[in-house]
N, C-alpha and C. Protein backbone atom coordinates (compact mmCIF):
# COMPACT_ATOMS: atom_id res chain seq x y z
N MET A 1 -6.38 -8.85 4.80
CA MET A 1 -7.20 -8.24 5.83
C MET A 1 -8.42 -9.11 6.14
N LEU A 2 -8.96 -9.77 5.11
CA LEU A 2 -10.17 -10.58 5.30
C LEU A 2 -9.86 -12.02 5.67
N ASP A 3 -8.64 -12.48 5.42
CA ASP A 3 -8.32 -13.90 5.60
C ASP A 3 -8.65 -14.40 7.00
N ARG A 4 -8.22 -13.67 8.02
CA ARG A 4 -8.40 -14.15 9.38
C ARG A 4 -9.86 -14.18 9.79
N HIS A 5 -10.69 -13.35 9.15
CA HIS A 5 -12.12 -13.32 9.47
C HIS A 5 -12.88 -14.46 8.77
N LEU A 6 -12.37 -14.90 7.62
CA LEU A 6 -13.03 -15.97 6.88
C LEU A 6 -12.62 -17.36 7.35
N ARG A 7 -11.43 -17.46 7.94
CA ARG A 7 -10.94 -18.77 8.33
C ARG A 7 -11.90 -19.53 9.25
N PRO A 8 -12.49 -18.90 10.28
CA PRO A 8 -13.42 -19.65 11.14
C PRO A 8 -14.62 -20.20 10.38
N LEU A 9 -14.99 -19.56 9.27
CA LEU A 9 -16.13 -20.03 8.48
C LEU A 9 -15.73 -21.10 7.49
N LEU A 10 -14.53 -20.97 6.91
CA LEU A 10 -14.12 -21.87 5.84
C LEU A 10 -13.39 -23.11 6.34
N ASP A 11 -12.67 -22.99 7.45
CA ASP A 11 -11.84 -24.11 7.90
C ASP A 11 -12.63 -25.37 8.26
N PRO A 12 -13.76 -25.27 8.97
CA PRO A 12 -14.46 -26.51 9.33
C PRO A 12 -14.88 -27.36 8.12
N PRO A 13 -15.57 -26.79 7.10
CA PRO A 13 -15.91 -27.65 5.96
C PRO A 13 -14.68 -28.11 5.18
N LEU A 14 -13.65 -27.26 5.07
CA LEU A 14 -12.43 -27.68 4.39
C LEU A 14 -11.75 -28.81 5.14
N ASP A 15 -11.74 -28.74 6.46
CA ASP A 15 -11.12 -29.80 7.25
C ASP A 15 -11.85 -31.12 7.08
N ARG A 16 -13.18 -31.07 7.00
CA ARG A 16 -13.93 -32.31 6.81
C ARG A 16 -13.61 -32.92 5.45
N MET A 17 -13.57 -32.09 4.41
CA MET A 17 -13.22 -32.59 3.08
C MET A 17 -11.78 -33.09 3.05
N GLY A 18 -10.89 -32.36 3.74
CA GLY A 18 -9.49 -32.77 3.78
C GLY A 18 -9.29 -34.11 4.45
N GLN A 19 -10.07 -34.37 5.49
CA GLN A 19 -9.96 -35.66 6.18
C GLN A 19 -10.36 -36.80 5.26
N VAL A 20 -11.42 -36.60 4.48
CA VAL A 20 -11.86 -37.64 3.54
C VAL A 20 -10.79 -37.87 2.49
N MET A 21 -10.22 -36.79 1.95
CA MET A 21 -9.20 -36.93 0.91
C MET A 21 -7.94 -37.59 1.47
N ALA A 22 -7.55 -37.21 2.69
CA ALA A 22 -6.35 -37.81 3.29
C ALA A 22 -6.54 -39.30 3.51
N ARG A 23 -7.73 -39.70 3.98
CA ARG A 23 -7.99 -41.12 4.19
C ARG A 23 -8.03 -41.89 2.88
N SER A 24 -8.30 -41.17 1.78
CA SER A 24 -8.32 -41.82 0.46
C SER A 24 -6.93 -41.95 -0.13
N GLY A 25 -5.93 -41.45 0.57
CA GLY A 25 -4.56 -41.58 0.10
C GLY A 25 -4.07 -40.42 -0.75
N ILE A 26 -4.85 -39.36 -0.84
CA ILE A 26 -4.45 -38.19 -1.64
C ILE A 26 -3.50 -37.34 -0.81
N SER A 27 -2.38 -36.95 -1.42
CA SER A 27 -1.40 -36.16 -0.69
C SER A 27 -1.70 -34.67 -0.84
N ALA A 28 -1.22 -33.90 0.12
CA ALA A 28 -1.40 -32.45 0.08
C ALA A 28 -0.69 -31.85 -1.13
N ASN A 29 0.48 -32.38 -1.47
CA ASN A 29 1.22 -31.84 -2.62
C ASN A 29 0.48 -32.08 -3.92
N ALA A 30 -0.20 -33.22 -4.03
CA ALA A 30 -0.99 -33.50 -5.24
C ALA A 30 -2.13 -32.50 -5.36
N VAL A 31 -2.75 -32.14 -4.24
CA VAL A 31 -3.83 -31.15 -4.25
C VAL A 31 -3.27 -29.78 -4.63
N THR A 32 -2.08 -29.44 -4.11
CA THR A 32 -1.44 -28.17 -4.45
C THR A 32 -1.20 -28.07 -5.95
N LEU A 33 -0.66 -29.13 -6.53
CA LEU A 33 -0.36 -29.11 -7.97
C LEU A 33 -1.64 -29.10 -8.81
N THR A 34 -2.69 -29.74 -8.31
CA THR A 34 -3.99 -29.67 -9.00
C THR A 34 -4.51 -28.24 -8.99
N GLY A 35 -4.36 -27.57 -7.85
CA GLY A 35 -4.78 -26.17 -7.77
C GLY A 35 -4.02 -25.30 -8.75
N LEU A 36 -2.71 -25.55 -8.88
CA LEU A 36 -1.91 -24.79 -9.85
C LEU A 36 -2.39 -25.05 -11.27
N ALA A 37 -2.65 -26.31 -11.59
CA ALA A 37 -3.12 -26.66 -12.93
C ALA A 37 -4.44 -25.95 -13.24
N LEU A 38 -5.34 -25.92 -12.27
CA LEU A 38 -6.62 -25.23 -12.47
C LEU A 38 -6.40 -23.73 -12.63
N GLY A 39 -5.46 -23.17 -11.88
CA GLY A 39 -5.16 -21.75 -12.00
C GLY A 39 -4.59 -21.40 -13.35
N LEU A 40 -3.70 -22.24 -13.87
CA LEU A 40 -3.13 -22.00 -15.20
C LEU A 40 -4.19 -22.19 -16.28
N ALA A 41 -5.10 -23.13 -16.05
CA ALA A 41 -6.22 -23.29 -16.98
C ALA A 41 -7.10 -22.05 -16.98
N ALA A 42 -7.26 -21.43 -15.80
CA ALA A 42 -8.02 -20.17 -15.72
C ALA A 42 -7.34 -19.08 -16.52
N ALA A 43 -6.02 -19.00 -16.45
CA ALA A 43 -5.29 -18.02 -17.25
C ALA A 43 -5.48 -18.29 -18.73
N GLY A 44 -5.47 -19.56 -19.11
CA GLY A 44 -5.74 -19.91 -20.50
C GLY A 44 -7.13 -19.50 -20.94
N ALA A 45 -8.10 -19.65 -20.04
CA ALA A 45 -9.47 -19.24 -20.37
C ALA A 45 -9.56 -17.73 -20.55
N VAL A 46 -8.84 -16.97 -19.72
CA VAL A 46 -8.79 -15.51 -19.89
C VAL A 46 -8.23 -15.18 -21.27
N LEU A 47 -7.14 -15.83 -21.63
CA LEU A 47 -6.50 -15.57 -22.91
C LEU A 47 -7.43 -15.89 -24.08
N ALA A 48 -8.32 -16.87 -23.87
CA ALA A 48 -9.28 -17.23 -24.90
C ALA A 48 -10.52 -16.36 -24.86
N GLY A 49 -10.61 -15.45 -23.88
CA GLY A 49 -11.78 -14.60 -23.76
C GLY A 49 -12.97 -15.27 -23.11
N ALA A 50 -12.76 -16.45 -22.52
CA ALA A 50 -13.84 -17.19 -21.85
C ALA A 50 -13.84 -16.81 -20.37
N PHE A 51 -14.36 -15.64 -20.06
CA PHE A 51 -14.18 -15.08 -18.72
C PHE A 51 -15.01 -15.79 -17.66
N MET A 52 -16.18 -16.28 -17.99
CA MET A 52 -16.98 -17.00 -17.00
C MET A 52 -16.34 -18.34 -16.67
N LEU A 53 -15.77 -18.99 -17.68
CA LEU A 53 -15.04 -20.23 -17.43
C LEU A 53 -13.82 -19.94 -16.56
N ALA A 54 -13.13 -18.84 -16.85
CA ALA A 54 -11.97 -18.45 -16.04
C ALA A 54 -12.38 -18.23 -14.60
N LEU A 55 -13.51 -17.58 -14.38
CA LEU A 55 -14.00 -17.33 -13.03
C LEU A 55 -14.22 -18.64 -12.28
N LEU A 56 -14.86 -19.61 -12.93
CA LEU A 56 -15.12 -20.90 -12.28
C LEU A 56 -13.82 -21.64 -11.99
N LEU A 57 -12.87 -21.56 -12.91
CA LEU A 57 -11.59 -22.24 -12.71
C LEU A 57 -10.79 -21.59 -11.59
N ILE A 58 -10.88 -20.27 -11.46
CA ILE A 58 -10.22 -19.59 -10.35
C ILE A 58 -10.80 -20.06 -9.03
N LEU A 59 -12.12 -20.14 -8.94
CA LEU A 59 -12.75 -20.62 -7.71
C LEU A 59 -12.32 -22.05 -7.40
N ALA A 60 -12.27 -22.90 -8.42
CA ALA A 60 -11.86 -24.29 -8.21
C ALA A 60 -10.40 -24.36 -7.77
N SER A 61 -9.58 -23.52 -8.37
CA SER A 61 -8.16 -23.49 -8.01
C SER A 61 -7.96 -23.09 -6.55
N ARG A 62 -8.70 -22.08 -6.12
CA ARG A 62 -8.55 -21.62 -4.74
C ARG A 62 -9.18 -22.58 -3.74
N LEU A 63 -10.19 -23.35 -4.19
CA LEU A 63 -10.72 -24.41 -3.33
C LEU A 63 -9.62 -25.44 -3.07
N ALA A 64 -8.91 -25.81 -4.13
CA ALA A 64 -7.80 -26.75 -3.98
C ALA A 64 -6.71 -26.15 -3.08
N ASP A 65 -6.50 -24.85 -3.20
CA ASP A 65 -5.49 -24.20 -2.37
C ASP A 65 -5.86 -24.25 -0.89
N GLY A 66 -7.15 -24.23 -0.60
CA GLY A 66 -7.58 -24.39 0.79
C GLY A 66 -7.54 -25.84 1.24
N LEU A 67 -7.83 -26.75 0.32
CA LEU A 67 -7.88 -28.16 0.67
C LEU A 67 -6.50 -28.75 0.92
N ASP A 68 -5.47 -28.24 0.25
CA ASP A 68 -4.14 -28.83 0.46
C ASP A 68 -3.70 -28.66 1.90
N GLY A 69 -4.01 -27.51 2.49
CA GLY A 69 -3.68 -27.30 3.89
C GLY A 69 -4.48 -28.22 4.80
N ALA A 70 -5.75 -28.43 4.45
CA ALA A 70 -6.60 -29.33 5.26
C ALA A 70 -6.07 -30.76 5.21
N VAL A 71 -5.65 -31.19 4.03
CA VAL A 71 -5.06 -32.54 3.91
C VAL A 71 -3.76 -32.61 4.69
N ALA A 72 -2.94 -31.55 4.60
CA ALA A 72 -1.66 -31.54 5.31
C ALA A 72 -1.85 -31.59 6.81
N ARG A 73 -2.90 -30.97 7.31
CA ARG A 73 -3.13 -30.99 8.76
C ARG A 73 -3.47 -32.39 9.24
N VAL A 74 -3.95 -33.24 8.34
CA VAL A 74 -4.24 -34.63 8.70
C VAL A 74 -3.01 -35.51 8.53
N ARG A 75 -2.33 -35.36 7.39
CA ARG A 75 -1.20 -36.23 7.07
C ARG A 75 0.13 -35.72 7.61
N GLY A 76 0.13 -34.46 8.05
CA GLY A 76 1.35 -33.87 8.59
C GLY A 76 1.87 -32.74 7.73
N VAL A 77 2.05 -31.57 8.33
CA VAL A 77 2.58 -30.40 7.62
C VAL A 77 4.07 -30.58 7.42
N THR A 78 4.56 -30.36 6.18
CA THR A 78 5.98 -30.48 5.89
C THR A 78 6.53 -29.17 5.36
N ASP A 79 7.83 -28.98 5.53
CA ASP A 79 8.46 -27.77 5.02
C ASP A 79 8.36 -27.69 3.50
N PHE A 80 8.60 -28.83 2.81
CA PHE A 80 8.52 -28.80 1.35
C PHE A 80 7.10 -28.51 0.89
N GLY A 81 6.11 -29.05 1.61
CA GLY A 81 4.72 -28.78 1.24
C GLY A 81 4.41 -27.30 1.33
N GLY A 82 4.89 -26.64 2.38
CA GLY A 82 4.69 -25.20 2.51
C GLY A 82 5.40 -24.43 1.41
N TYR A 83 6.62 -24.87 1.09
CA TYR A 83 7.38 -24.24 0.01
C TYR A 83 6.67 -24.39 -1.33
N LEU A 84 6.21 -25.61 -1.62
CA LEU A 84 5.51 -25.87 -2.89
C LEU A 84 4.23 -25.05 -2.96
N ASP A 85 3.53 -24.96 -1.87
CA ASP A 85 2.26 -24.23 -1.84
C ASP A 85 2.45 -22.76 -2.19
N ILE A 86 3.40 -22.10 -1.54
CA ILE A 86 3.56 -20.67 -1.78
C ILE A 86 4.16 -20.41 -3.15
N THR A 87 5.02 -21.33 -3.64
CA THR A 87 5.56 -21.17 -4.99
C THR A 87 4.44 -21.25 -6.03
N CYS A 88 3.57 -22.24 -5.88
CA CYS A 88 2.45 -22.39 -6.81
C CYS A 88 1.49 -21.21 -6.71
N ASP A 89 1.30 -20.68 -5.51
CA ASP A 89 0.44 -19.51 -5.34
C ASP A 89 0.96 -18.34 -6.16
N TYR A 90 2.27 -18.10 -6.10
CA TYR A 90 2.82 -16.94 -6.80
C TYR A 90 2.82 -17.14 -8.32
N VAL A 91 2.97 -18.38 -8.76
CA VAL A 91 2.82 -18.66 -10.20
C VAL A 91 1.41 -18.31 -10.65
N PHE A 92 0.44 -18.73 -9.86
CA PHE A 92 -0.96 -18.44 -10.18
C PHE A 92 -1.23 -16.94 -10.17
N TYR A 93 -0.74 -16.26 -9.12
CA TYR A 93 -0.98 -14.81 -9.01
C TYR A 93 -0.38 -14.04 -10.19
N ALA A 94 0.71 -14.54 -10.75
CA ALA A 94 1.31 -13.88 -11.90
C ALA A 94 0.62 -14.25 -13.21
N ALA A 95 0.11 -15.48 -13.29
CA ALA A 95 -0.44 -15.98 -14.55
C ALA A 95 -1.71 -15.24 -14.96
N ILE A 96 -2.56 -14.91 -14.01
CA ILE A 96 -3.82 -14.26 -14.36
C ILE A 96 -3.59 -12.86 -14.94
N PRO A 97 -2.83 -11.98 -14.28
CA PRO A 97 -2.56 -10.68 -14.91
C PRO A 97 -1.84 -10.82 -16.25
N LEU A 98 -0.89 -11.76 -16.34
CA LEU A 98 -0.18 -11.95 -17.61
C LEU A 98 -1.14 -12.33 -18.73
N ALA A 99 -2.15 -13.14 -18.42
CA ALA A 99 -3.13 -13.53 -19.42
C ALA A 99 -3.91 -12.31 -19.92
N PHE A 100 -4.26 -11.40 -19.02
CA PHE A 100 -4.96 -10.18 -19.44
C PHE A 100 -4.05 -9.28 -20.27
N ILE A 101 -2.77 -9.23 -19.93
CA ILE A 101 -1.83 -8.45 -20.74
C ILE A 101 -1.72 -9.03 -22.15
N MET A 102 -1.59 -10.34 -22.24
CA MET A 102 -1.46 -10.99 -23.54
C MET A 102 -2.74 -10.89 -24.35
N LEU A 103 -3.88 -10.85 -23.66
CA LEU A 103 -5.17 -10.75 -24.34
C LEU A 103 -5.28 -9.45 -25.11
N ASP A 104 -4.80 -8.34 -24.53
CA ASP A 104 -4.86 -7.03 -25.18
C ASP A 104 -3.67 -6.20 -24.71
N PRO A 105 -2.48 -6.42 -25.31
CA PRO A 105 -1.28 -5.71 -24.85
C PRO A 105 -1.40 -4.20 -24.93
N ALA A 106 -2.06 -3.69 -25.95
CA ALA A 106 -2.16 -2.24 -26.12
C ALA A 106 -2.95 -1.60 -24.99
N ALA A 107 -4.06 -2.21 -24.61
CA ALA A 107 -4.92 -1.64 -23.58
C ALA A 107 -4.47 -2.00 -22.17
N ASN A 108 -3.89 -3.20 -22.01
CA ASN A 108 -3.63 -3.72 -20.67
C ASN A 108 -2.15 -3.79 -20.30
N GLY A 109 -1.27 -3.53 -21.26
CA GLY A 109 0.15 -3.79 -21.04
C GLY A 109 0.77 -2.99 -19.90
N VAL A 110 0.62 -1.68 -19.92
CA VAL A 110 1.27 -0.84 -18.90
C VAL A 110 0.64 -1.08 -17.53
N ALA A 111 -0.69 -1.09 -17.47
CA ALA A 111 -1.36 -1.31 -16.18
C ALA A 111 -1.04 -2.71 -15.65
N GLY A 112 -1.01 -3.69 -16.55
CA GLY A 112 -0.69 -5.05 -16.12
C GLY A 112 0.74 -5.17 -15.64
N GLY A 113 1.67 -4.46 -16.32
CA GLY A 113 3.05 -4.46 -15.86
C GLY A 113 3.19 -3.86 -14.48
N PHE A 114 2.47 -2.76 -14.24
CA PHE A 114 2.48 -2.14 -12.91
C PHE A 114 1.90 -3.09 -11.86
N LEU A 115 0.84 -3.80 -12.23
CA LEU A 115 0.23 -4.75 -11.29
C LEU A 115 1.22 -5.85 -10.93
N LEU A 116 1.91 -6.39 -11.93
CA LEU A 116 2.89 -7.44 -11.65
C LEU A 116 4.05 -6.90 -10.81
N LEU A 117 4.47 -5.67 -11.07
CA LEU A 117 5.49 -5.05 -10.23
C LEU A 117 5.02 -4.97 -8.78
N SER A 118 3.79 -4.54 -8.58
CA SER A 118 3.27 -4.42 -7.21
C SER A 118 3.20 -5.78 -6.53
N PHE A 119 2.83 -6.83 -7.28
CA PHE A 119 2.82 -8.18 -6.73
C PHE A 119 4.23 -8.60 -6.30
N TYR A 120 5.20 -8.27 -7.14
CA TYR A 120 6.60 -8.63 -6.88
C TYR A 120 7.08 -7.95 -5.60
N VAL A 121 6.82 -6.66 -5.47
CA VAL A 121 7.23 -5.91 -4.28
C VAL A 121 6.52 -6.45 -3.04
N ASN A 122 5.23 -6.68 -3.16
CA ASN A 122 4.46 -7.18 -2.03
C ASN A 122 4.95 -8.56 -1.60
N ALA A 123 5.24 -9.42 -2.58
CA ALA A 123 5.74 -10.76 -2.27
C ALA A 123 7.09 -10.69 -1.57
N GLY A 124 7.95 -9.79 -2.05
CA GLY A 124 9.25 -9.64 -1.42
C GLY A 124 9.14 -9.20 0.03
N SER A 125 8.25 -8.25 0.29
CA SER A 125 8.08 -7.77 1.66
C SER A 125 7.50 -8.87 2.56
N PHE A 126 6.62 -9.68 2.00
CA PHE A 126 6.01 -10.77 2.76
C PHE A 126 7.02 -11.86 3.07
N LEU A 127 7.76 -12.31 2.05
CA LEU A 127 8.70 -13.41 2.25
C LEU A 127 9.88 -12.98 3.13
N GLY A 128 10.34 -11.74 2.94
CA GLY A 128 11.42 -11.25 3.79
C GLY A 128 11.01 -11.20 5.25
N PHE A 129 9.79 -10.74 5.50
CA PHE A 129 9.28 -10.70 6.88
C PHE A 129 9.19 -12.12 7.44
N SER A 130 8.73 -13.06 6.62
CA SER A 130 8.56 -14.44 7.08
C SER A 130 9.90 -15.06 7.46
N VAL A 131 10.93 -14.80 6.66
CA VAL A 131 12.26 -15.36 6.95
C VAL A 131 12.77 -14.87 8.30
N LEU A 132 12.67 -13.56 8.53
CA LEU A 132 13.15 -13.01 9.79
C LEU A 132 12.29 -13.45 10.97
N ALA A 133 10.98 -13.58 10.73
CA ALA A 133 10.09 -14.04 11.80
C ALA A 133 10.45 -15.47 12.21
N GLU A 134 10.73 -16.33 11.22
CA GLU A 134 11.13 -17.70 11.52
C GLU A 134 12.46 -17.72 12.26
N LYS A 135 13.39 -16.84 11.85
CA LYS A 135 14.69 -16.76 12.50
C LYS A 135 14.53 -16.43 13.98
N ARG A 136 13.56 -15.57 14.28
CA ARG A 136 13.33 -15.16 15.67
C ARG A 136 12.30 -16.04 16.37
N GLN A 137 11.87 -17.10 15.68
CA GLN A 137 10.93 -18.07 16.24
C GLN A 137 9.62 -17.42 16.67
N MET A 138 9.16 -16.46 15.89
CA MET A 138 7.88 -15.83 16.15
C MET A 138 6.75 -16.78 15.78
N GLN A 139 5.63 -16.69 16.48
CA GLN A 139 4.49 -17.57 16.25
C GLN A 139 3.24 -16.74 16.02
N SER A 140 2.36 -17.23 15.15
CA SER A 140 1.06 -16.61 14.93
C SER A 140 0.08 -17.67 14.45
N SER A 141 -1.12 -17.67 15.02
CA SER A 141 -2.16 -18.63 14.61
C SER A 141 -3.30 -17.94 13.88
N ALA A 142 -3.12 -16.66 13.55
CA ALA A 142 -4.21 -15.88 12.93
C ALA A 142 -4.60 -16.44 11.57
N HIS A 143 -3.64 -17.07 10.87
CA HIS A 143 -3.91 -17.60 9.54
C HIS A 143 -3.88 -19.13 9.53
N GLY A 144 -4.05 -19.73 10.69
CA GLY A 144 -4.06 -21.18 10.78
C GLY A 144 -2.65 -21.75 10.85
N VAL A 145 -2.57 -23.09 10.78
CA VAL A 145 -1.28 -23.77 10.82
C VAL A 145 -0.60 -23.60 9.47
N LYS A 146 0.57 -22.96 9.47
CA LYS A 146 1.30 -22.68 8.24
C LYS A 146 2.75 -23.09 8.40
N SER A 147 3.40 -23.38 7.26
CA SER A 147 4.82 -23.69 7.28
C SER A 147 5.65 -22.42 7.37
N LEU A 148 5.07 -21.29 6.99
CA LEU A 148 5.75 -20.00 7.06
C LEU A 148 4.98 -19.07 7.98
N TYR A 149 5.70 -18.10 8.53
CA TYR A 149 5.03 -17.07 9.31
C TYR A 149 4.29 -16.14 8.35
N PHE A 150 2.99 -15.95 8.56
CA PHE A 150 2.17 -15.12 7.70
C PHE A 150 1.96 -13.75 8.35
N ALA A 151 2.59 -12.74 7.76
CA ALA A 151 2.38 -11.37 8.22
C ALA A 151 1.23 -10.78 7.41
N GLY A 152 0.13 -10.51 8.07
CA GLY A 152 -1.05 -10.00 7.38
C GLY A 152 -0.84 -8.60 6.85
N GLY A 153 -1.86 -8.08 6.18
CA GLY A 153 -1.76 -6.74 5.63
C GLY A 153 -3.09 -6.29 5.07
N LEU A 154 -3.07 -5.14 4.43
CA LEU A 154 -4.28 -4.59 3.83
C LEU A 154 -4.84 -5.54 2.79
N LEU A 155 -3.96 -6.08 1.93
CA LEU A 155 -4.38 -7.02 0.90
C LEU A 155 -3.73 -8.37 1.16
N GLU A 156 -4.56 -9.42 1.20
CA GLU A 156 -4.07 -10.78 1.39
C GLU A 156 -4.68 -11.66 0.31
N GLY A 157 -4.70 -12.95 0.55
CA GLY A 157 -5.19 -13.88 -0.47
C GLY A 157 -6.63 -13.65 -0.85
N THR A 158 -7.50 -13.44 0.13
CA THR A 158 -8.92 -13.26 -0.15
C THR A 158 -9.17 -12.07 -1.06
N GLU A 159 -8.53 -10.95 -0.74
CA GLU A 159 -8.72 -9.74 -1.55
C GLU A 159 -8.22 -9.95 -2.98
N THR A 160 -7.12 -10.69 -3.12
CA THR A 160 -6.57 -10.93 -4.45
C THR A 160 -7.51 -11.79 -5.29
N ILE A 161 -8.08 -12.81 -4.66
CA ILE A 161 -9.03 -13.66 -5.39
C ILE A 161 -10.27 -12.88 -5.78
N LEU A 162 -10.79 -12.06 -4.87
CA LEU A 162 -11.95 -11.23 -5.20
C LEU A 162 -11.63 -10.29 -6.36
N PHE A 163 -10.40 -9.77 -6.36
CA PHE A 163 -9.96 -8.89 -7.45
C PHE A 163 -9.93 -9.65 -8.77
N PHE A 164 -9.39 -10.85 -8.78
CA PHE A 164 -9.36 -11.65 -10.01
C PHE A 164 -10.78 -11.97 -10.50
N LEU A 165 -11.67 -12.27 -9.58
CA LEU A 165 -13.05 -12.55 -9.98
C LEU A 165 -13.69 -11.29 -10.58
N LEU A 166 -13.40 -10.13 -9.99
CA LEU A 166 -13.92 -8.88 -10.52
C LEU A 166 -13.38 -8.62 -11.93
N LEU A 167 -12.12 -8.94 -12.16
CA LEU A 167 -11.55 -8.78 -13.50
C LEU A 167 -12.28 -9.65 -14.52
N CYS A 168 -12.64 -10.86 -14.09
CA CYS A 168 -13.38 -11.75 -15.00
C CYS A 168 -14.78 -11.22 -15.29
N LEU A 169 -15.38 -10.58 -14.31
CA LEU A 169 -16.72 -10.02 -14.50
C LEU A 169 -16.69 -8.70 -15.27
N MET A 170 -15.58 -7.97 -15.17
CA MET A 170 -15.46 -6.66 -15.82
C MET A 170 -14.13 -6.56 -16.57
N PRO A 171 -13.90 -7.44 -17.55
CA PRO A 171 -12.59 -7.50 -18.22
C PRO A 171 -12.19 -6.20 -18.92
N PHE A 172 -13.18 -5.43 -19.39
CA PHE A 172 -12.85 -4.21 -20.10
C PHE A 172 -12.43 -3.07 -19.14
N TRP A 173 -12.54 -3.32 -17.84
CA TRP A 173 -12.09 -2.37 -16.83
C TRP A 173 -10.76 -2.81 -16.24
N PHE A 174 -10.07 -3.70 -16.94
CA PHE A 174 -8.82 -4.23 -16.39
C PHE A 174 -7.84 -3.12 -16.01
N ALA A 175 -7.61 -2.19 -16.91
CA ALA A 175 -6.57 -1.18 -16.66
C ALA A 175 -6.82 -0.35 -15.40
N PRO A 176 -7.98 0.29 -15.25
CA PRO A 176 -8.17 1.07 -14.01
C PRO A 176 -8.19 0.21 -12.76
N LEU A 177 -8.75 -1.00 -12.86
CA LEU A 177 -8.76 -1.89 -11.71
C LEU A 177 -7.33 -2.30 -11.34
N ALA A 178 -6.50 -2.57 -12.35
CA ALA A 178 -5.12 -2.97 -12.10
C ALA A 178 -4.32 -1.84 -11.46
N TRP A 179 -4.51 -0.62 -11.95
CA TRP A 179 -3.81 0.52 -11.33
C TRP A 179 -4.21 0.67 -9.87
N GLY A 180 -5.49 0.57 -9.58
CA GLY A 180 -5.96 0.73 -8.21
C GLY A 180 -5.48 -0.37 -7.30
N PHE A 181 -5.60 -1.60 -7.75
CA PHE A 181 -5.20 -2.73 -6.90
C PHE A 181 -3.69 -2.73 -6.71
N GLY A 182 -2.96 -2.39 -7.77
CA GLY A 182 -1.51 -2.33 -7.66
C GLY A 182 -1.06 -1.30 -6.65
N LEU A 183 -1.72 -0.16 -6.63
CA LEU A 183 -1.39 0.87 -5.65
C LEU A 183 -1.63 0.37 -4.23
N LEU A 184 -2.75 -0.32 -4.03
CA LEU A 184 -3.04 -0.88 -2.71
C LEU A 184 -2.01 -1.94 -2.31
N CYS A 185 -1.52 -2.70 -3.29
CA CYS A 185 -0.46 -3.69 -3.00
C CYS A 185 0.80 -2.99 -2.51
N LEU A 186 1.16 -1.89 -3.15
CA LEU A 186 2.36 -1.16 -2.74
C LEU A 186 2.18 -0.55 -1.34
N ILE A 187 0.97 -0.09 -1.05
CA ILE A 187 0.69 0.43 0.30
C ILE A 187 0.83 -0.70 1.32
N THR A 188 0.34 -1.88 0.98
CA THR A 188 0.46 -3.04 1.85
C THR A 188 1.92 -3.37 2.12
N ALA A 189 2.73 -3.37 1.05
CA ALA A 189 4.16 -3.66 1.20
C ALA A 189 4.84 -2.61 2.06
N ALA A 190 4.51 -1.34 1.83
CA ALA A 190 5.12 -0.26 2.62
C ALA A 190 4.76 -0.40 4.09
N ALA A 191 3.52 -0.73 4.38
CA ALA A 191 3.10 -0.91 5.77
C ALA A 191 3.85 -2.07 6.41
N ARG A 192 4.11 -3.13 5.64
CA ARG A 192 4.85 -4.28 6.17
C ARG A 192 6.30 -3.91 6.45
N VAL A 193 6.88 -3.06 5.61
CA VAL A 193 8.25 -2.60 5.85
C VAL A 193 8.32 -1.79 7.14
N VAL A 194 7.33 -0.92 7.34
CA VAL A 194 7.27 -0.13 8.58
C VAL A 194 7.15 -1.05 9.79
N LEU A 195 6.29 -2.08 9.67
CA LEU A 195 6.15 -3.04 10.76
C LEU A 195 7.46 -3.77 11.02
N ALA A 196 8.14 -4.17 9.95
CA ALA A 196 9.42 -4.87 10.10
C ALA A 196 10.45 -4.00 10.80
N ALA A 197 10.45 -2.70 10.48
CA ALA A 197 11.39 -1.79 11.14
C ALA A 197 11.14 -1.71 12.63
N GLN A 198 9.89 -1.89 13.05
CA GLN A 198 9.55 -1.86 14.47
C GLN A 198 9.84 -3.20 15.14
N VAL A 199 9.47 -4.29 14.47
CA VAL A 199 9.58 -5.63 15.07
C VAL A 199 11.03 -6.11 15.11
N PHE A 200 11.76 -5.84 14.04
CA PHE A 200 13.11 -6.41 13.93
C PHE A 200 14.21 -5.41 14.29
N ARG A 201 13.86 -4.35 14.96
CA ARG A 201 14.87 -3.39 15.39
C ARG A 201 15.80 -4.05 16.42
N ASP A 202 17.09 -3.92 16.19
CA ASP A 202 18.08 -4.54 17.10
C ASP A 202 18.17 -3.74 18.40
């Protein structure tokens, strides 16, 4: 929900940084993999109980996630780059909740499992919509130049990152926060299914 409103503010500085990186010979895929490495390091920091370090690593990871697109816009957007980007995103999105589950399985296990379920359902609704949108050659510029069609919703990337940062600031509230965010994820997925029923009706 917030992504399209933040893009006009974030894209110009990201594009300037991306141009410098592209001219230096850095590839978008290398930036994507760096972002994944930082995200997995953040999960490791959560597991170690170093929540402020995890918070900083999450921010660094998502900066890289924004920069890979900026570099790609200079060097050329590729299908594999888009595929790698979204695959790494979902690995990151799963790793942070898993780290909280492993940190305290008794307190966080059930809520964390529900959160991962909601991510799985939401991802399925998003990717399924994207496949059919591409099949019908639908276009949208609301989320910038992307390799996949991005169907927005109540919860998008920005909200998820803010949620992860909140977990790092309030780790002992993981369970209630996970239940609440997971419920909102399922509502987002349900709304996308309703939209798909309207858009893709034969």
